[in-house]
């Protein structure tokens, strides 16, 4: 070191000089800055494009994956599941869905959501495409403008979506049967719609089904259309043989409804939306003439009605007239018997023109109670109710109302309510009584004594036959042999070359000569009757003169000319 650089003892230290460096921005910092700007823009874009957030509850979280499961409408993604949580009561799950801004119209009161997954049911197979793409939530928006963010999801896809072209109709039935949501609707065996929903009536006495018929087939639903339950197989055995009828294989498994207009003149005007119809149990009942106002009647039978059930038919001269609705027992103190009370609902208008004429006659007579007065006049002419056998194999009975010309007179009160129709035992019951009487008479025959007497007679006959075989038959055989010998001798005596035959021939010749001489004598006496007194003259020979009118006789064998 030089001396100049040596520090001087006692001098102060030099003050540092601060130099400010110049700013030089590196390009490395440009990448995170750009990334931050892009992220901020994405956040701003997502915030500006974000739609409402809704909650949809489902029975389970099957097929729901947060952040992956999309929400689709007509196969277009309109949102995504962001979170799935269990409800507070642990009965269902709640899926939180973030909708896009363009789908904010789906947050309305009538929007429906459901999980689309592979389903195999009686109505068919659906959701097959989700086997590869995964499950998603389907949506169906309505026309409501009311905002809503809490929804209850459907467990199955709706059979009819909003905006579908067609008409909706209501069907009233006694019970649901085998029908379900999605069951097909058929017109002339072609599927034209489906069952969209059903519910119990307010009084609980029936079921109302809502069906949807697609356009343009909805024009075939008229004001006169009849609907019937086409489920299962209709098997009938009649004069034409065995008939099996069904709409399709699907109706056998999943049920279905069919409709058609009745034959003949009818109102073919197209039905309005939400028109209500009656759902009949089968096609025959649906296509029958209108039933009209039902009437309740009662019948009292003093016989066993085994085989008669509720819904058994009631016929008037072979025409379906109604059905049995109740069968109850009663007790008669006077006779100490248990008669059967049968209640039935009948439809007089099923008689057609006959009913119209009877009503006209009742009005002409001024009868107030037309049904009672009509029945009273018919009962006077022998109208009676009978329980007849409808099927010999099953023993089922039905009620037949027919006219019996020799029916005894009965007391009838038209003011009695309900209307009571007199009855008479059926022909089958009479046959049973006659068979019972025959069996009683046969039972009274003393077969035991007859058998004993017959046994004794057979024993005596056996002894007699033994005696015949031992004593009588040998003697008979000997007698027959003697008779045979006698007949042989007789045959020999009457042979052509026998002595007896030759003697008989000579005797016959002698008789012929005597007869000839006698004839000659009678002829001579005829010519000379005085010869009986004077005798024959010597000059008059005895010659026979043949009669003029008698033909010459043929010469006999052995006579001479």
Protein backbone atom coordinates (compact mmCIF):
# COMPACT_ATOMS: atom_id res chain seq x y z
CA UNK A 1 0.00 0.00 0.00
CA UNK A 2 1.13 3.50 -0.71
CA UNK A 3 1.25 6.13 1.84
CA UNK A 4 -1.50 8.00 0.17
CA UNK A 5 -3.86 5.24 0.87
CA UNK A 6 -2.98 4.79 4.46
CA UNK A 7 -5.53 6.03 6.89
CA UNK A 8 -4.58 8.93 9.01
CA UNK A 9 -5.10 8.21 12.63
CA UNK A 10 -7.83 10.34 14.11
CA UNK A 11 -9.42 11.29 10.80
CA UNK A 12 -13.18 10.59 10.26
CA UNK A 13 -14.34 7.73 8.05
CA UNK A 14 -15.44 8.67 4.53
CA UNK A 15 -19.11 9.03 3.95
CA UNK A 16 -20.62 6.48 1.60
CA UNK A 17 -21.99 7.81 -1.58
CA UNK A 18 -25.49 6.40 -2.42
CA UNK A 19 -26.06 5.87 -6.07
CA UNK A 20 -29.63 5.22 -7.36
CA UNK A 21 -29.75 2.39 -9.91
CA UNK A 22 -31.71 2.91 -13.11
CA UNK A 23 -35.06 0.97 -13.53
CA UNK A 24 -34.75 -2.00 -15.93
CA UNK A 25 -38.08 -4.05 -16.23
CA UNK A 26 -37.46 -7.70 -17.03
CA UNK A 27 -39.68 -9.59 -19.53
CA UNK A 28 -40.14 -12.39 -16.98
CA UNK A 29 -42.68 -10.33 -15.12
CA UNK A 30 -44.81 -9.87 -18.19
CA UNK A 31 -46.18 -13.49 -18.13
CA UNK A 32 -47.82 -13.37 -14.68
CA UNK A 33 -49.19 -9.95 -15.42
CA UNK A 34 -50.84 -11.22 -18.58
CA UNK A 35 -52.11 -14.29 -16.74
CA UNK A 36 -53.65 -12.12 -14.06
CA UNK A 37 -55.32 -9.96 -16.68
CA UNK A 38 -56.71 -13.01 -18.47
CA UNK A 39 -57.97 -14.51 -15.22
CA UNK A 40 -59.56 -11.23 -14.27
CA UNK A 41 -61.25 -11.04 -17.64
CA UNK A 42 -62.49 -14.61 -17.26
CA UNK A 43 -63.83 -13.83 -13.83
CA UNK A 44 -65.57 -10.75 -15.15
CA UNK A 45 -66.95 -12.70 -18.10
CA UNK A 46 -68.12 -15.55 -15.86
CA UNK A 47 -69.72 -13.06 -13.53
CA UNK A 48 -71.48 -11.29 -16.38
CA UNK A 49 -72.56 -14.62 -17.99
CA UNK A 50 -73.57 -16.36 -14.76
CA UNK A 51 -77.23 -17.21 -14.38
CA UNK A 52 -79.31 -17.96 -11.31
CA UNK A 53 -78.44 -20.71 -8.88
CA UNK A 54 -81.20 -23.17 -8.02
CA UNK A 55 -81.64 -26.15 -5.73
CA UNK A 56 -83.29 -29.38 -6.92
CA UNK A 57 -84.09 -32.21 -4.51
CA UNK A 58 -83.97 -35.87 -5.52
CA UNK A 59 -84.56 -39.14 -3.71
CA UNK A 60 -80.92 -40.17 -4.15
CA UNK A 61 -77.68 -38.81 -5.62
CA UNK A 62 -77.37 -41.66 -8.14
CA UNK A 63 -75.83 -40.30 -11.34
CA UNK A 64 -75.02 -36.87 -9.80
CA UNK A 65 -71.36 -35.83 -9.80
CA UNK A 66 -70.55 -32.25 -8.57
CA UNK A 67 -68.74 -30.23 -11.20
CA UNK A 68 -69.35 -32.81 -13.94
CA UNK A 69 -73.05 -33.59 -14.26
CA UNK A 70 -74.57 -31.18 -16.78
CA UNK A 71 -78.10 -29.88 -17.06
CA UNK A 72 -79.51 -30.18 -20.57
CA UNK A 73 -82.55 -28.98 -22.42
CA UNK A 74 -83.11 -30.52 -25.84
CA UNK A 75 -79.61 -31.95 -25.56
CA UNK A 76 -78.09 -28.41 -25.06
CA UNK A 77 -76.15 -27.75 -21.85
CA UNK A 78 -77.75 -24.93 -19.83
CA UNK A 79 -76.07 -25.46 -16.46
CA UNK A 80 -74.03 -27.74 -14.27
CA UNK A 81 -74.26 -29.37 -10.85
CA UNK A 82 -71.88 -27.58 -8.48
CA UNK A 83 -72.66 -29.27 -5.19
CA UNK A 84 -74.65 -32.22 -3.82
CA UNK A 85 -75.57 -32.33 -0.14
CA UNK A 86 -77.87 -34.32 2.14
CA UNK A 87 -81.01 -32.60 3.38
CA UNK A 88 -81.39 -31.78 7.05
CA UNK A 89 -84.03 -34.48 7.61
CA UNK A 90 -81.86 -36.99 5.68
CA UNK A 91 -84.79 -38.07 3.49
CA UNK A 92 -83.44 -36.75 0.19
CA UNK A 93 -80.49 -35.01 -1.42
CA UNK A 94 -80.24 -31.45 -2.70
CA UNK A 95 -78.33 -30.70 -5.86
CA UNK A 96 -77.08 -27.13 -6.30
CA UNK A 97 -77.17 -26.17 -9.96
CA UNK A 98 -75.59 -23.11 -11.54
CA UNK A 99 -77.55 -22.13 -14.62
CA UNK A 100 -76.17 -20.07 -17.44
CA UNK A 101 -77.38 -16.54 -17.94
CA UNK A 102 -79.17 -17.57 -21.10
CA UNK A 103 -81.09 -20.19 -19.09
CA UNK A 104 -82.39 -17.85 -16.40
CA UNK A 105 -85.89 -18.48 -17.79
CA UNK A 106 -85.69 -22.04 -16.40
CA UNK A 107 -85.88 -20.71 -12.85
CA UNK A 108 -89.69 -20.54 -13.03
CA UNK A 109 -92.47 -22.23 -11.12
CA UNK A 110 -93.54 -24.79 -13.78
CA UNK A 111 -90.06 -26.03 -14.75
CA UNK A 112 -89.44 -29.74 -14.22
CA UNK A 113 -86.12 -31.48 -13.61
CA UNK A 114 -85.26 -35.20 -13.64
CA UNK A 115 -82.17 -37.39 -13.83
CA UNK A 116 -81.68 -39.05 -17.22
CA UNK A 117 -80.18 -42.48 -16.71
CA UNK A 118 -80.63 -45.89 -18.38
CA UNK A 119 -84.08 -47.24 -17.57
CA UNK A 120 -85.67 -50.56 -18.52
CA UNK A 121 -89.36 -50.89 -17.77
CA UNK A 122 -92.60 -52.33 -19.09
CA UNK A 123 -93.09 -49.19 -21.14
CA UNK A 124 -89.79 -49.56 -22.99
CA UNK A 125 -86.09 -48.72 -22.73
CA UNK A 126 -84.80 -45.13 -22.35
CA UNK A 127 -81.54 -43.33 -21.63
CA UNK A 128 -79.31 -45.77 -23.50
CA UNK A 129 -77.02 -42.95 -24.68
CA UNK A 130 -76.04 -42.18 -21.08
CA UNK A 131 -74.17 -45.49 -20.84
CA UNK A 132 -71.22 -43.77 -22.59
CA UNK A 133 -71.72 -40.07 -21.83
CA UNK A 134 -72.90 -40.46 -18.25
CA UNK A 135 -76.09 -39.34 -16.56
CA UNK A 136 -77.33 -35.78 -16.79
CA UNK A 137 -80.25 -33.73 -15.53
CA UNK A 138 -83.04 -33.11 -18.01
CA UNK A 139 -85.15 -29.98 -17.89
CA UNK A 140 -88.55 -28.99 -19.25
CA UNK A 141 -89.65 -25.37 -19.05
CA UNK A 142 -93.23 -24.19 -19.05
CA UNK A 143 -94.90 -20.86 -19.63
CA UNK A 144 -94.88 -19.48 -16.09
CA UNK A 145 -93.11 -16.19 -15.34
CA UNK A 146 -92.97 -16.67 -11.57
CA UNK A 147 -89.39 -16.91 -10.27
CA UNK A 148 -88.47 -19.99 -8.23
CA UNK A 149 -85.16 -21.43 -7.06
CA UNK A 150 -86.24 -24.53 -5.07
CA UNK A 151 -87.56 -27.51 -7.06
CA UNK A 152 -88.54 -31.11 -6.44
CA UNK A 153 -87.09 -33.34 -9.12
CA UNK A 154 -89.03 -36.08 -10.88
CA UNK A 155 -88.00 -39.69 -10.40
CA UNK A 156 -88.87 -40.59 -14.00
CA UNK A 157 -89.01 -38.55 -17.20
CA UNK A 158 -92.37 -36.86 -17.86
CA UNK A 159 -94.38 -38.63 -20.58
CA UNK A 160 -95.40 -35.30 -22.15
CA UNK A 161 -93.19 -32.25 -22.33
CA UNK A 162 -94.35 -28.65 -22.60
CA UNK A 163 -94.93 -27.52 -26.14
CA UNK A 164 -95.83 -30.99 -27.47
CA UNK A 165 -98.41 -30.82 -30.24
CA UNK A 166 -101.66 -32.54 -29.35
CA UNK A 167 -104.58 -32.51 -26.93
CA UNK A 168 -105.10 -33.66 -23.37
CA UNK A 169 -108.23 -35.55 -22.27
CA UNK A 170 -109.50 -36.93 -18.96
CA UNK A 171 -110.74 -40.49 -18.44
CA UNK A 172 -112.80 -41.56 -15.43
CA UNK A 173 -112.51 -45.17 -14.26
CA UNK A 174 -113.44 -47.25 -11.22
CA UNK A 175 -109.81 -48.24 -10.65
CA UNK A 176 -106.40 -47.88 -12.29
CA UNK A 177 -106.01 -51.52 -13.25
CA UNK A 178 -102.70 -52.26 -14.95
CA UNK A 179 -102.33 -48.74 -16.37
CA UNK A 180 -99.46 -46.48 -15.41
CA UNK A 181 -97.81 -43.27 -16.51
CA UNK A 182 -96.54 -43.79 -20.02
CA UNK A 183 -99.05 -46.53 -20.92
CA UNK A 184 -99.81 -46.30 -24.65
CA UNK A 185 -103.00 -44.98 -26.25
CA UNK A 186 -104.12 -46.87 -29.38
CA UNK A 187 -106.38 -45.96 -32.29
CA UNK A 188 -107.00 -48.85 -34.68
CA UNK A 189 -103.99 -50.63 -33.14
CA UNK A 190 -101.65 -47.68 -33.84
CA UNK A 191 -100.09 -45.87 -30.89
CA UNK A 192 -101.18 -42.22 -30.95
CA UNK A 193 -100.53 -41.09 -27.38
CA UNK A 194 -99.83 -42.06 -23.80
CA UNK A 195 -101.07 -41.74 -20.22
CA UNK A 196 -99.54 -38.60 -18.73
CA UNK A 197 -100.84 -38.68 -15.13
CA UNK A 198 -103.51 -40.06 -12.82
CA UNK A 199 -104.99 -39.28 -9.40
CA UNK A 200 -107.74 -40.39 -7.06
CA UNK A 201 -111.02 -38.55 -7.18
CA UNK A 202 -111.88 -36.28 -4.30
CA UNK A 203 -114.54 -38.70 -2.99
CA UNK A 204 -112.16 -41.65 -3.33
CA UNK A 205 -114.67 -43.64 -5.41
CA UNK A 206 -112.78 -43.56 -8.66
CA UNK A 207 -109.63 -42.65 -10.56
CA UNK A 208 -109.14 -39.91 -13.14
CA UNK A 209 -106.48 -40.46 -15.79
CA UNK A 210 -105.05 -37.73 -17.98
CA UNK A 211 -104.03 -38.84 -21.45
CA UNK A 212 -102.24 -37.03 -24.25
CA UNK A 213 -103.03 -37.72 -27.91
CA UNK A 214 -100.45 -36.42 -30.35
CA UNK A 215 -101.25 -34.23 -33.30
CA UNK A 216 -102.65 -34.86 -35.96
CA UNK A 217 -104.24 -37.99 -34.50
CA UNK A 218 -106.08 -35.92 -31.89
CA UNK A 219 -108.64 -35.06 -34.57
CA UNK A 220 -109.98 -38.62 -34.37
CA UNK A 221 -111.14 -38.04 -30.79
CA UNK A 222 -114.74 -36.87 -31.23
CA UNK A 223 -117.59 -36.11 -28.89
CA UNK A 224 -118.93 -39.64 -29.44
CA UNK A 225 -115.62 -41.46 -28.96
CA UNK A 226 -115.57 -44.46 -26.61
CA UNK A 227 -112.48 -45.37 -24.57
CA UNK A 228 -111.83 -48.81 -23.07
CA UNK A 229 -109.05 -50.55 -21.16
CA UNK A 230 -107.13 -52.64 -23.69
CA UNK A 231 -104.81 -54.26 -21.15
CA UNK A 232 -104.14 -57.98 -21.19
CA UNK A 233 -105.70 -60.55 -23.51
CA UNK A 234 -109.41 -60.80 -24.30
CA UNK A 235 -110.36 -64.47 -24.71
CA UNK A 236 -113.92 -65.43 -25.68
CA UNK A 237 -115.54 -68.74 -26.59
CA UNK A 238 -118.68 -68.50 -28.70
CA UNK A 239 -120.51 -70.05 -31.60
CA UNK A 240 -117.70 -68.99 -33.93
CA UNK A 241 -115.05 -70.75 -31.85
CA UNK A 242 -112.24 -69.49 -29.63
CA UNK A 243 -111.22 -65.85 -30.16
CA UNK A 244 -108.12 -64.14 -28.72
CA UNK A 245 -107.91 -60.35 -29.03
CA UNK A 246 -105.24 -57.88 -27.89
CA UNK A 247 -103.95 -54.52 -29.07
CA UNK A 248 -100.24 -55.39 -28.90
CA UNK A 249 -97.68 -57.26 -26.86
CA UNK A 250 -96.97 -54.05 -24.90
CA UNK A 251 -100.56 -53.91 -23.64
CA UNK A 252 -100.24 -57.47 -22.35
CA UNK A 253 -97.30 -56.43 -20.16
CA UNK A 254 -97.75 -52.71 -19.44
CA UNK A 255 -101.43 -52.12 -20.19
CA UNK A 256 -102.97 -49.63 -22.58
CA UNK A 257 -106.06 -47.70 -23.63
CA UNK A 258 -107.85 -47.88 -26.98
CA UNK A 259 -110.56 -45.65 -28.44
CA UNK A 260 -112.88 -45.65 -31.43
CA UNK A 261 -116.14 -44.08 -32.59
CA UNK A 262 -119.30 -46.21 -32.34
CA UNK A 263 -120.88 -47.65 -35.45
CA UNK A 264 -123.87 -45.96 -37.04
CA UNK A 265 -124.86 -42.30 -36.89
CA UNK A 266 -122.98 -40.30 -34.24
CA UNK A 267 -121.57 -36.85 -33.54
CA UNK A 268 -118.22 -36.70 -35.36
CA UNK A 269 -117.28 -33.21 -34.11
CA UNK A 270 -113.69 -33.03 -32.83
CA UNK A 271 -113.53 -32.96 -29.03
CA UNK A 272 -112.21 -29.93 -27.16
CA UNK A 273 -109.17 -29.89 -24.92
CA UNK A 274 -109.65 -31.51 -21.47
CA UNK A 275 -112.92 -33.22 -22.44
CA UNK A 276 -113.90 -35.92 -19.92
CA UNK A 277 -114.81 -39.45 -21.03
CA UNK A 278 -115.74 -42.69 -19.34
CA UNK A 279 -113.14 -45.48 -19.42
CA UNK A 280 -114.91 -48.84 -19.95
CA UNK A 281 -113.50 -52.20 -18.94
CA UNK A 282 -113.66 -53.79 -22.41
CA UNK A 283 -114.51 -53.02 -26.00
CA UNK A 284 -117.90 -54.78 -25.99
CA UNK A 285 -119.12 -52.65 -23.10
CA UNK A 286 -117.70 -49.48 -24.62
CA UNK A 287 -119.32 -49.99 -28.03
CA UNK A 288 -122.71 -50.95 -26.58
CA UNK A 289 -125.63 -48.51 -26.99
CA UNK A 290 -125.89 -45.70 -24.41
CA UNK A 291 -126.99 -46.98 -21.03
CA UNK A 292 -129.01 -43.96 -20.01
CA UNK A 293 -130.23 -43.44 -16.47
CA UNK A 294 -129.73 -46.51 -14.25
CA UNK A 295 -132.56 -47.99 -12.20
CA UNK A 296 -132.25 -50.14 -9.09
CA UNK A 297 -134.43 -53.24 -8.71
CA UNK A 298 -134.64 -56.00 -6.15
CA UNK A 299 -135.51 -59.69 -6.45
CA UNK A 300 -136.28 -62.26 -3.75
CA UNK A 301 -135.32 -65.87 -4.45
CA UNK A 302 -136.34 -68.86 -2.32
CA UNK A 303 -133.67 -71.14 -3.71
CA UNK A 304 -129.93 -71.61 -3.52
CA UNK A 305 -128.03 -69.16 -5.73
CA UNK A 306 -124.66 -70.87 -5.63
CA UNK A 307 -122.80 -69.63 -8.70
CA UNK A 308 -124.35 -66.15 -8.77
CA UNK A 309 -121.77 -63.42 -8.14
CA UNK A 310 -121.68 -59.65 -8.16
CA UNK A 311 -121.44 -58.22 -11.70
CA UNK A 312 -123.32 -61.21 -13.10
CA UNK A 313 -125.41 -60.13 -16.11
CA UNK A 314 -129.13 -59.39 -16.00
CA UNK A 315 -130.87 -60.07 -19.31
CA UNK A 316 -134.30 -59.13 -20.61
CA UNK A 317 -135.41 -61.64 -23.26
CA UNK A 318 -131.75 -62.32 -24.02
CA UNK A 319 -130.77 -58.62 -24.27
CA UNK A 320 -128.18 -57.32 -21.75
CA UNK A 321 -130.27 -55.27 -19.34
CA UNK A 322 -128.03 -54.65 -16.31
CA UNK A 323 -125.83 -56.32 -13.72
CA UNK A 324 -126.03 -57.71 -10.20
CA UNK A 325 -124.69 -55.34 -7.55
CA UNK A 326 -125.52 -57.11 -4.26
CA UNK A 327 -126.43 -60.56 -2.89
CA UNK A 328 -127.71 -60.78 0.69
CA UNK A 329 -129.62 -63.26 2.84
CA UNK A 330 -132.92 -62.50 4.58
CA UNK A 331 -135.01 -64.39 7.15
CA UNK A 332 -138.73 -65.13 6.86
CA UNK A 333 -140.33 -65.74 10.24
CA UNK A 334 -143.49 -67.31 8.80
CA UNK A 335 -141.78 -69.99 6.73
CA UNK A 336 -138.59 -70.14 8.81
CA UNK A 337 -136.52 -69.92 5.64
CA UNK A 338 -133.64 -67.80 4.42
CA UNK A 339 -134.54 -66.19 1.08
CA UNK A 340 -131.83 -64.50 -0.96
CA UNK A 341 -132.23 -60.81 -1.82
CA UNK A 342 -130.52 -59.89 -5.10
CA UNK A 343 -130.05 -56.24 -6.00
CA UNK A 344 -129.41 -55.22 -9.58
CA UNK A 345 -128.86 -52.04 -11.58
CA UNK A 346 -130.69 -52.05 -14.91
CA UNK A 347 -130.63 -49.66 -17.84
CA UNK A 348 -134.05 -49.47 -19.53
CA UNK A 349 -132.69 -47.49 -22.50
CA UNK A 350 -130.75 -50.58 -23.59
CA UNK A 351 -134.04 -51.94 -24.89
CA UNK A 352 -133.90 -49.36 -27.68
CA UNK A 353 -137.15 -48.77 -29.57
CA UNK A 354 -139.06 -51.04 -27.20
CA UNK A 355 -138.26 -48.66 -24.33
CA UNK A 356 -139.28 -45.63 -26.38
CA UNK A 357 -142.66 -47.19 -27.22
CA UNK A 358 -143.28 -48.22 -23.60
CA UNK A 359 -142.48 -44.71 -22.42
CA UNK A 360 -144.83 -43.23 -25.03
CA UNK A 361 -147.64 -45.57 -23.92
CA UNK A 362 -147.03 -44.68 -20.27
CA UNK A 363 -147.18 -40.97 -21.04
CA UNK A 364 -150.38 -41.47 -23.06
CA UNK A 365 -151.98 -43.15 -20.04
CA UNK A 366 -150.78 -40.36 -17.76
CA UNK A 367 -148.60 -42.59 -15.58
CA UNK A 368 -146.38 -40.57 -13.26
CA UNK A 369 -143.98 -43.33 -12.33
CA UNK A 370 -143.18 -44.63 -15.79
CA UNK A 371 -140.73 -47.34 -14.67
CA UNK A 372 -143.07 -48.69 -11.97
CA UNK A 373 -146.16 -48.61 -14.15
CA UNK A 374 -144.37 -50.23 -17.08
CA UNK A 375 -143.04 -53.02 -14.88
CA UNK A 376 -146.48 -53.50 -13.32
CA UNK A 377 -148.13 -54.07 -16.70
CA UNK A 378 -145.35 -56.41 -17.78
CA UNK A 379 -145.66 -58.40 -14.54
CA UNK A 380 -149.41 -58.81 -15.19
CA UNK A 381 -148.48 -60.45 -18.50
CA UNK A 382 -146.17 -62.97 -16.82
CA UNK A 383 -142.83 -61.17 -16.44
CA UNK A 384 -140.70 -63.06 -13.92
CA UNK A 385 -137.03 -63.19 -12.91
CA UNK A 386 -135.19 -66.50 -12.97
CA UNK A 387 -131.70 -67.59 -11.98
CA UNK A 388 -130.44 -69.60 -14.95
CA UNK A 389 -127.22 -71.43 -15.64
CA UNK A 390 -124.91 -69.47 -17.92
CA UNK A 391 -122.08 -72.02 -18.05
CA UNK A 392 -122.47 -75.73 -17.39
CA UNK A 393 -118.73 -76.17 -16.87
CA UNK A 394 -118.26 -73.47 -14.22
CA UNK A 395 -121.82 -73.45 -12.84
CA UNK A 396 -122.10 -69.66 -13.09
CA UNK A 397 -125.60 -68.19 -12.90
CA UNK A 398 -127.20 -65.11 -14.39
CA UNK A 399 -130.56 -63.39 -13.93
CA UNK A 400 -133.00 -63.78 -16.83
CA UNK A 401 -136.19 -61.71 -17.04
CA UNK A 402 -138.69 -63.53 -19.25
CA UNK A 403 -142.45 -63.96 -19.77
CA UNK A 404 -144.03 -67.17 -18.43
CA UNK A 405 -147.52 -67.75 -19.87
CA UNK A 406 -148.65 -69.97 -16.97
CA UNK A 407 -147.10 -67.91 -14.20
CA UNK A 408 -149.36 -67.57 -11.14
CA UNK A 409 -150.72 -64.17 -10.29
CA UNK A 410 -148.74 -62.18 -7.72
CA UNK A 411 -149.46 -59.04 -5.76
CA UNK A 412 -147.55 -56.05 -7.09
CA UNK A 413 -147.31 -52.64 -5.45
CA UNK A 414 -145.85 -49.95 -7.78
CA UNK A 415 -145.23 -47.63 -4.82
CA UNK A 416 -142.73 -50.00 -3.18
CA UNK A 417 -139.18 -48.68 -3.14
CA UNK A 418 -136.94 -50.14 -4.36
CA UNK A 419 -138.89 -51.76 -7.18
CA UNK A 420 -139.26 -55.51 -6.54
CA UNK A 421 -139.63 -58.00 -9.39
CA UNK A 422 -141.35 -61.35 -8.65
CA UNK A 423 -139.27 -64.46 -9.21
CA UNK A 424 -139.84 -68.08 -10.14
CA UNK A 425 -137.58 -71.11 -9.82
CA UNK A 426 -135.39 -71.74 -12.82
CA UNK A 427 -135.78 -74.67 -15.17
CA UNK A 428 -132.57 -76.20 -13.85
CA UNK A 429 -133.94 -76.08 -10.32
CA UNK A 430 -137.14 -77.78 -11.47
CA UNK A 431 -135.04 -80.42 -13.17
CA UNK A 432 -133.14 -80.94 -9.94
CA UNK A 433 -136.43 -81.33 -8.04
CA UNK A 434 -137.72 -83.83 -10.59
CA UNK A 435 -134.46 -85.76 -10.40
CA UNK A 436 -134.72 -85.73 -6.61
CA UNK A 437 -138.27 -87.12 -6.81
CA UNK A 438 -137.12 -89.82 -9.22
CA UNK A 439 -134.26 -90.69 -6.90
CA UNK A 440 -136.71 -90.91 -3.96
CA UNK A 441 -138.99 -93.24 -5.93
CA UNK A 442 -136.04 -95.37 -6.95
CA UNK A 443 -134.89 -95.42 -3.34
CA UNK A 444 -138.31 -96.80 -2.28
CA UNK A 445 -137.99 -99.84 -4.60
CA UNK A 446 -137.21 -102.96 -2.42
CA UNK A 447 -134.09 -103.97 -4.23
CA UNK A 448 -133.04 -106.24 -1.32
CA UNK A 449 -136.16 -108.40 -1.42
CA UNK A 450 -136.14 -108.40 -5.21
CA UNK A 451 -132.56 -109.58 -5.12
CA UNK A 452 -133.36 -112.34 -2.63
CA UNK A 453 -136.35 -113.56 -4.67
CA UNK A 454 -134.30 -113.40 -7.82
CA UNK A 455 -131.56 -115.38 -6.13
CA UNK A 456 -134.06 -118.07 -5.05
CA UNK A 457 -135.59 -118.21 -8.52
CA UNK A 458 -132.20 -118.58 -10.09
CA UNK A 459 -131.42 -121.43 -7.65
CA UNK A 460 -134.61 -123.24 -8.51
CA UNK A 461 -133.97 -122.69 -12.20
CA UNK A 462 -130.51 -124.16 -11.76
CA UNK A 463 -131.97 -127.31 -10.12
CA UNK A 464 -134.56 -127.62 -12.88
CA UNK A 465 -131.87 -127.39 -15.52
CA UNK A 466 -129.90 -130.08 -13.74
CA UNK A 467 -132.96 -132.38 -13.79
CA UNK A 468 -133.53 -131.65 -17.44
CA UNK A 469 -129.92 -132.43 -18.25
CA UNK A 470 -129.93 -135.71 -16.26
CA UNK A 471 -133.38 -137.24 -16.97
CA UNK A 472 -135.34 -135.37 -19.62
CA UNK A 473 -132.65 -134.84 -22.23
CA UNK A 474 -131.76 -138.60 -22.61
CA UNK A 475 -135.45 -139.49 -23.08
CA UNK A 476 -135.87 -136.70 -25.56
CA UNK A 477 -132.86 -137.98 -27.43
CA UNK A 478 -134.35 -141.50 -27.60
CA UNK A 479 -137.70 -140.12 -28.77
CA UNK A 480 -136.03 -138.09 -31.48
CA UNK A 481 -134.16 -141.16 -32.69
CA UNK A 482 -137.45 -143.14 -32.93
CA UNK A 483 -139.11 -140.29 -34.76
CA UNK A 484 -136.21 -140.20 -37.17
CA UNK A 485 -136.60 -143.92 -37.90
CA UNK A 486 -140.34 -143.49 -38.43
CA UNK A 487 -139.77 -140.67 -40.88
CA UNK A 488 -137.23 -142.82 -42.71
CA UNK A 489 -139.75 -145.67 -43.06
CA UNK A 490 -142.38 -143.22 -44.28
CA UNK A 491 -139.98 -141.90 -46.89
CA UNK A 492 -139.28 -145.46 -48.06
CA UNK A 493 -142.99 -146.26 -48.30
CA UNK A 494 -143.69 -143.24 -50.47
CA UNK A 495 -140.76 -143.79 -52.80
CA UNK A 496 -141.71 -143.96 -56.58
CA UNK A 497 -140.72 -147.63 -56.95
CA UNK A 498 -142.27 -148.87 -53.70
CA UNK A 499 -145.13 -151.41 -53.55
CA UNK A 500 -147.40 -148.91 -51.82
CA UNK A 501 -146.89 -146.41 -54.59
CA UNK A 502 -147.74 -149.08 -57.25
CA UNK A 503 -150.89 -150.11 -55.36
CA UNK A 504 -151.99 -146.50 -55.10
CA UNK A 505 -151.48 -146.09 -58.88
CA UNK A 506 -153.69 -149.14 -59.71
CA UNK A 507 -156.39 -147.98 -57.30
CA UNK A 508 -156.44 -144.57 -58.97
CA UNK A 509 -156.91 -146.18 -62.41
CA UNK A 510 -159.80 -148.23 -61.13
CA UNK A 511 -161.40 -145.14 -59.71
CA UNK A 512 -161.05 -143.38 -63.05
CA UNK A 513 -162.82 -146.31 -64.86
CA UNK A 514 -165.62 -146.27 -62.32
CA UNK A 515 -166.01 -142.55 -62.70
CA UNK A 516 -166.18 -142.89 -66.50
CA UNK A 517 -168.85 -145.58 -66.30
CA UNK A 518 -170.83 -143.51 -63.83
CA UNK A 519 -170.66 -140.54 -66.18
CA UNK A 520 -171.91 -142.63 -69.10
CA UNK A 521 -174.78 -143.88 -66.94
CA UNK A 522 -175.78 -140.40 -65.88
CA UNK A 523 -175.70 -139.20 -69.49
CA UNK A 524 -177.98 -142.08 -70.61
CA UNK A 525 -180.42 -141.46 -67.78
CA UNK A 526 -180.43 -137.83 -68.75
CA UNK A 527 -181.57 -138.76 -72.25
CA UNK A 528 -183.87 -141.64 -71.25
CA UNK A 529 -185.23 -140.97 -67.76
CA UNK A 530 -187.93 -143.57 -68.22
CA UNK A 531 -185.24 -146.22 -68.22
CA UNK A 532 -185.43 -146.15 -64.44
CA UNK A 533 -188.95 -147.66 -64.72
CA UNK A 534 -188.89 -149.62 -67.96
CA UNK A 535 -185.27 -150.52 -68.13
CA UNK A 536 -182.96 -150.19 -71.03
CA UNK A 537 -184.22 -151.05 -74.39
CA UNK A 538 -182.47 -153.68 -76.39
CA UNK A 539 -182.28 -151.58 -79.55
CA UNK A 540 -180.74 -148.57 -77.78
CA UNK A 541 -177.11 -148.98 -76.94
CA UNK A 542 -175.70 -147.33 -73.88
CA UNK A 543 -173.46 -144.61 -75.35
CA UNK A 544 -172.25 -141.49 -73.72
CA UNK A 545 -173.01 -138.15 -75.40
CA UNK A 546 -170.71 -135.42 -74.29
CA UNK A 547 -172.24 -132.17 -73.12
CA UNK A 548 -172.22 -129.33 -75.64
CA UNK A 549 -170.95 -126.59 -73.29
CA UNK A 550 -168.40 -128.65 -71.39
CA UNK A 551 -164.88 -128.75 -72.81
CA UNK A 552 -163.31 -132.16 -73.47
CA UNK A 553 -161.38 -133.46 -70.51
CA UNK A 554 -157.75 -134.37 -70.84
CA UNK A 555 -157.08 -138.10 -70.90
CA UNK A 556 -155.69 -139.41 -67.65
CA UNK A 557 -152.67 -141.61 -67.30
CA UNK A 558 -153.54 -145.29 -67.91
CA UNK A 559 -156.88 -144.59 -69.70
CA UNK A 560 -157.59 -146.00 -73.14
CA UNK A 561 -158.92 -143.93 -76.05
